[in-house]
């Protein structure tokens, strides 16, 4: 027995609206790429994009080296970072980094104004 679909009952799926949010698995995480991060940082500063790229590259390089050396970093307003666990892998190293962030006050006019002092990032 064969089944056929008649033209009057068939639906063209190419014209159906696509809910992209429904296509993303619920456990998927948002990934911000370096280019997008650079664009957002440039928009917040008075630097040219090329200047911001140089600064960002230098910052990321220093951040990576400090974490590889298992240094604890107190970087307000980002937070306090420390390496919790480290494993050597064939293609590099795996660093499990713990980060503690202060929650900005809900009534603070500017999050930067509510940045905690560096001494507030002690090993508690």
C-alpha atoms as a PDB file:
ATOM      1  CA  UNK A   1       0.000   0.000   0.000  1.00  0.00           C
ATOM      2  CA  UNK A   2       1.396   3.447  -0.860  1.00  0.00           C
ATOM      3  CA  UNK A   3       0.555   6.763   0.684  1.00  0.00           C
ATOM      4  CA  UNK A   4       0.491   9.953  -1.286  1.00  0.00           C
ATOM      5  CA  UNK A   5       0.261  13.571  -0.270  1.00  0.00           C
ATOM      6  CA  UNK A   6      -2.142  15.702  -2.190  1.00  0.00           C
ATOM      7  CA  UNK A   7      -1.046  19.167  -3.239  1.00  0.00           C
ATOM      8  CA  UNK A   8      -3.954  20.798  -1.390  1.00  0.00           C
ATOM      9  CA  UNK A   9      -2.970  19.230   1.966  1.00  0.00           C
ATOM     10  CA  UNK A  10       0.832  19.531   1.693  1.00  0.00           C
ATOM     11  CA  UNK A  11       2.620  22.274   3.590  1.00  0.00           C
ATOM     12  CA  UNK A  12       5.649  24.072   2.245  1.00  0.00           C
ATOM     13  CA  UNK A  13       8.084  23.991   5.161  1.00  0.00           C
ATOM     14  CA  UNK A  14      10.453  26.490   3.574  1.00  0.00           C
ATOM     15  CA  UNK A  15       7.965  29.319   4.173  1.00  0.00           C
ATOM     16  CA  UNK A  16       7.223  28.347   7.768  1.00  0.00           C
ATOM     17  CA  UNK A  17       8.618  30.739  10.398  1.00  0.00           C
ATOM     18  CA  UNK A  18      11.599  29.356  12.268  1.00  0.00           C
ATOM     19  CA  UNK A  19      11.936  29.877  15.997  1.00  0.00           C
ATOM     20  CA  UNK A  20      15.739  29.919  16.336  1.00  0.00           C
ATOM     21  CA  UNK A  21      15.568  30.008  20.140  1.00  0.00           C
ATOM     22  CA  UNK A  22      13.697  26.700  20.073  1.00  0.00           C
ATOM     23  CA  UNK A  23      16.473  25.173  17.950  1.00  0.00           C
ATOM     24  CA  UNK A  24      19.167  25.876  20.584  1.00  0.00           C
ATOM     25  CA  UNK A  25      19.444  23.113  23.178  1.00  0.00           C
ATOM     26  CA  UNK A  26      18.577  24.348  26.680  1.00  0.00           C
ATOM     27  CA  UNK A  27      22.048  23.457  28.007  1.00  0.00           C
ATOM     28  CA  UNK A  28      23.869  25.433  25.294  1.00  0.00           C
ATOM     29  CA  UNK A  29      25.942  28.385  26.485  1.00  0.00           C
ATOM     30  CA  UNK A  30      26.306  31.731  24.749  1.00  0.00           C
ATOM     31  CA  UNK A  31      29.809  32.153  23.347  1.00  0.00           C
ATOM     32  CA  UNK A  32      31.233  35.614  22.795  1.00  0.00           C
ATOM     33  CA  UNK A  33      34.028  35.587  20.245  1.00  0.00           C
ATOM     34  CA  UNK A  34      37.078  37.842  20.510  1.00  0.00           C
ATOM     35  CA  UNK A  35      35.911  40.000  17.572  1.00  0.00           C
ATOM     36  CA  UNK A  36      32.557  40.691  19.241  1.00  0.00           C
ATOM     37  CA  UNK A  37      34.244  41.326  22.572  1.00  0.00           C
ATOM     38  CA  UNK A  38      36.632  43.758  20.865  1.00  0.00           C
ATOM     39  CA  UNK A  39      33.726  45.587  19.227  1.00  0.00           C
ATOM     40  CA  UNK A  40      31.918  45.953  22.568  1.00  0.00           C
ATOM     41  CA  UNK A  41      35.057  47.165  24.382  1.00  0.00           C
ATOM     42  CA  UNK A  42      35.796  49.671  21.598  1.00  0.00           C
ATOM     43  CA  UNK A  43      32.256  51.054  21.856  1.00  0.00           C
ATOM     44  CA  UNK A  44      32.790  51.681  25.602  1.00  0.00           C
ATOM     45  CA  UNK A  45      36.079  53.507  25.189  1.00  0.00           C
ATOM     46  CA  UNK A  46      37.535  56.496  23.401  1.00  0.00           C
ATOM     47  CA  UNK A  47      40.175  54.316  21.743  1.00  0.00           C
ATOM     48  CA  UNK A  48      40.326  53.472  18.059  1.00  0.00           C
ATOM     49  CA  UNK A  49      39.589  49.835  17.219  1.00  0.00           C
ATOM     50  CA  UNK A  50      43.235  49.187  16.288  1.00  0.00           C
ATOM     51  CA  UNK A  51      44.404  50.648  19.622  1.00  0.00           C
ATOM     52  CA  UNK A  52      41.837  48.607  21.529  1.00  0.00           C
ATOM     53  CA  UNK A  53      42.914  45.450  19.681  1.00  0.00           C
ATOM     54  CA  UNK A  54      46.546  45.982  20.754  1.00  0.00           C
ATOM     55  CA  UNK A  55      45.483  46.623  24.343  1.00  0.00           C
ATOM     56  CA  UNK A  56      43.117  43.624  24.409  1.00  0.00           C
ATOM     57  CA  UNK A  57      45.766  41.304  22.929  1.00  0.00           C
ATOM     58  CA  UNK A  58      48.281  42.429  25.572  1.00  0.00           C
ATOM     59  CA  UNK A  59      45.752  42.044  28.393  1.00  0.00           C
ATOM     60  CA  UNK A  60      44.661  38.574  27.281  1.00  0.00           C
ATOM     61  CA  UNK A  61      48.292  37.465  26.898  1.00  0.00           C
ATOM     62  CA  UNK A  62      49.156  38.665  30.419  1.00  0.00           C
ATOM     63  CA  UNK A  63      45.979  37.133  31.835  1.00  0.00           C
ATOM     64  CA  UNK A  64      46.811  33.773  30.250  1.00  0.00           C
ATOM     65  CA  UNK A  65      50.402  33.811  31.490  1.00  0.00           C
ATOM     66  CA  UNK A  66      49.358  34.776  35.018  1.00  0.00           C
ATOM     67  CA  UNK A  67      46.773  31.994  35.168  1.00  0.00           C
ATOM     68  CA  UNK A  68      49.273  29.473  33.742  1.00  0.00           C
ATOM     69  CA  UNK A  69      51.633  30.464  36.556  1.00  0.00           C
ATOM     70  CA  UNK A  70      48.718  29.832  38.952  1.00  0.00           C
ATOM     71  CA  UNK A  71      48.721  33.419  40.186  1.00  0.00           C
ATOM     72  CA  UNK A  72      45.606  34.703  41.933  1.00  0.00           C
ATOM     73  CA  UNK A  73      44.335  37.838  40.226  1.00  0.00           C
ATOM     74  CA  UNK A  74      42.340  40.633  41.876  1.00  0.00           C
ATOM     75  CA  UNK A  75      40.915  42.547  38.912  1.00  0.00           C
ATOM     76  CA  UNK A  76      38.006  44.785  39.872  1.00  0.00           C
ATOM     77  CA  UNK A  77      35.443  45.171  38.425  1.00  0.00           C
ATOM     78  CA  UNK A  78      35.927  41.741  36.808  1.00  0.00           C
ATOM     79  CA  UNK A  79      36.518  39.997  40.124  1.00  0.00           C
ATOM     80  CA  UNK A  80      39.025  37.726  41.789  1.00  0.00           C
ATOM     81  CA  UNK A  81      40.321  34.785  39.778  1.00  0.00           C
ATOM     82  CA  UNK A  82      42.370  31.813  40.871  1.00  0.00           C
ATOM     83  CA  UNK A  83      43.235  28.464  39.362  1.00  0.00           C
ATOM     84  CA  UNK A  84      41.330  25.732  41.152  1.00  0.00           C
ATOM     85  CA  UNK A  85      42.769  22.790  39.240  1.00  0.00           C
ATOM     86  CA  UNK A  86      45.259  22.298  36.434  1.00  0.00           C
ATOM     87  CA  UNK A  87      45.759  19.360  34.082  1.00  0.00           C
ATOM     88  CA  UNK A  88      48.283  18.881  31.318  1.00  0.00           C
ATOM     89  CA  UNK A  89      46.674  17.763  28.057  1.00  0.00           C
ATOM     90  CA  UNK A  90      48.308  16.685  24.777  1.00  0.00           C
ATOM     91  CA  UNK A  91      47.160  19.888  23.071  1.00  0.00           C
ATOM     92  CA  UNK A  92      47.908  22.269  25.957  1.00  0.00           C
ATOM     93  CA  UNK A  93      46.802  22.797  29.510  1.00  0.00           C
ATOM     94  CA  UNK A  94      43.375  22.695  31.087  1.00  0.00           C
ATOM     95  CA  UNK A  95      42.859  25.294  33.788  1.00  0.00           C
ATOM     96  CA  UNK A  96      39.775  25.191  35.962  1.00  0.00           C
ATOM     97  CA  UNK A  97      39.480  28.815  37.038  1.00  0.00           C
ATOM     98  CA  UNK A  98      37.355  29.981  39.939  1.00  0.00           C
ATOM     99  CA  UNK A  99      36.088  33.522  39.793  1.00  0.00           C
ATOM    100  CA  UNK A 100      34.369  35.517  42.497  1.00  0.00           C
ATOM    101  CA  UNK A 101      32.431  38.614  41.480  1.00  0.00           C
ATOM    102  CA  UNK A 102      30.769  41.219  43.609  1.00  0.00           C
ATOM    103  CA  UNK A 103      27.152  41.897  42.756  1.00  0.00           C
ATOM    104  CA  UNK A 104      26.635  45.572  41.916  1.00  0.00           C
ATOM    105  CA  UNK A 105      24.027  47.380  44.004  1.00  0.00           C
ATOM    106  CA  UNK A 106      20.632  47.559  42.375  1.00  0.00           C
ATOM    107  CA  UNK A 107      20.370  51.280  43.134  1.00  0.00           C
ATOM    108  CA  UNK A 108      23.920  52.234  42.092  1.00  0.00           C
ATOM    109  CA  UNK A 109      23.817  54.821  39.285  1.00  0.00           C
ATOM    110  CA  UNK A 110      26.922  53.387  37.632  1.00  0.00           C
ATOM    111  CA  UNK A 111      28.383  49.910  38.095  1.00  0.00           C
ATOM    112  CA  UNK A 112      31.924  51.310  37.803  1.00  0.00           C
ATOM    113  CA  UNK A 113      31.251  53.644  40.733  1.00  0.00           C
ATOM    114  CA  UNK A 114      30.315  50.624  42.854  1.00  0.00           C
ATOM    115  CA  UNK A 115      33.565  48.773  42.139  1.00  0.00           C
ATOM    116  CA  UNK A 116      35.000  47.259  45.339  1.00  0.00           C
ATOM    117  CA  UNK A 117      38.516  48.176  46.389  1.00  0.00           C
ATOM    118  CA  UNK A 118      41.271  45.663  45.647  1.00  0.00           C
ATOM    119  CA  UNK A 119      41.659  44.776  49.331  1.00  0.00           C
ATOM    120  CA  UNK A 120      38.057  43.511  49.336  1.00  0.00           C
ATOM    121  CA  UNK A 121      39.181  40.597  47.144  1.00  0.00           C
ATOM    122  CA  UNK A 122      40.961  38.686  49.907  1.00  0.00           C
ATOM    123  CA  UNK A 123      41.020  34.852  49.937  1.00  0.00           C
ATOM    124  CA  UNK A 124      37.743  34.471  51.866  1.00  0.00           C
END
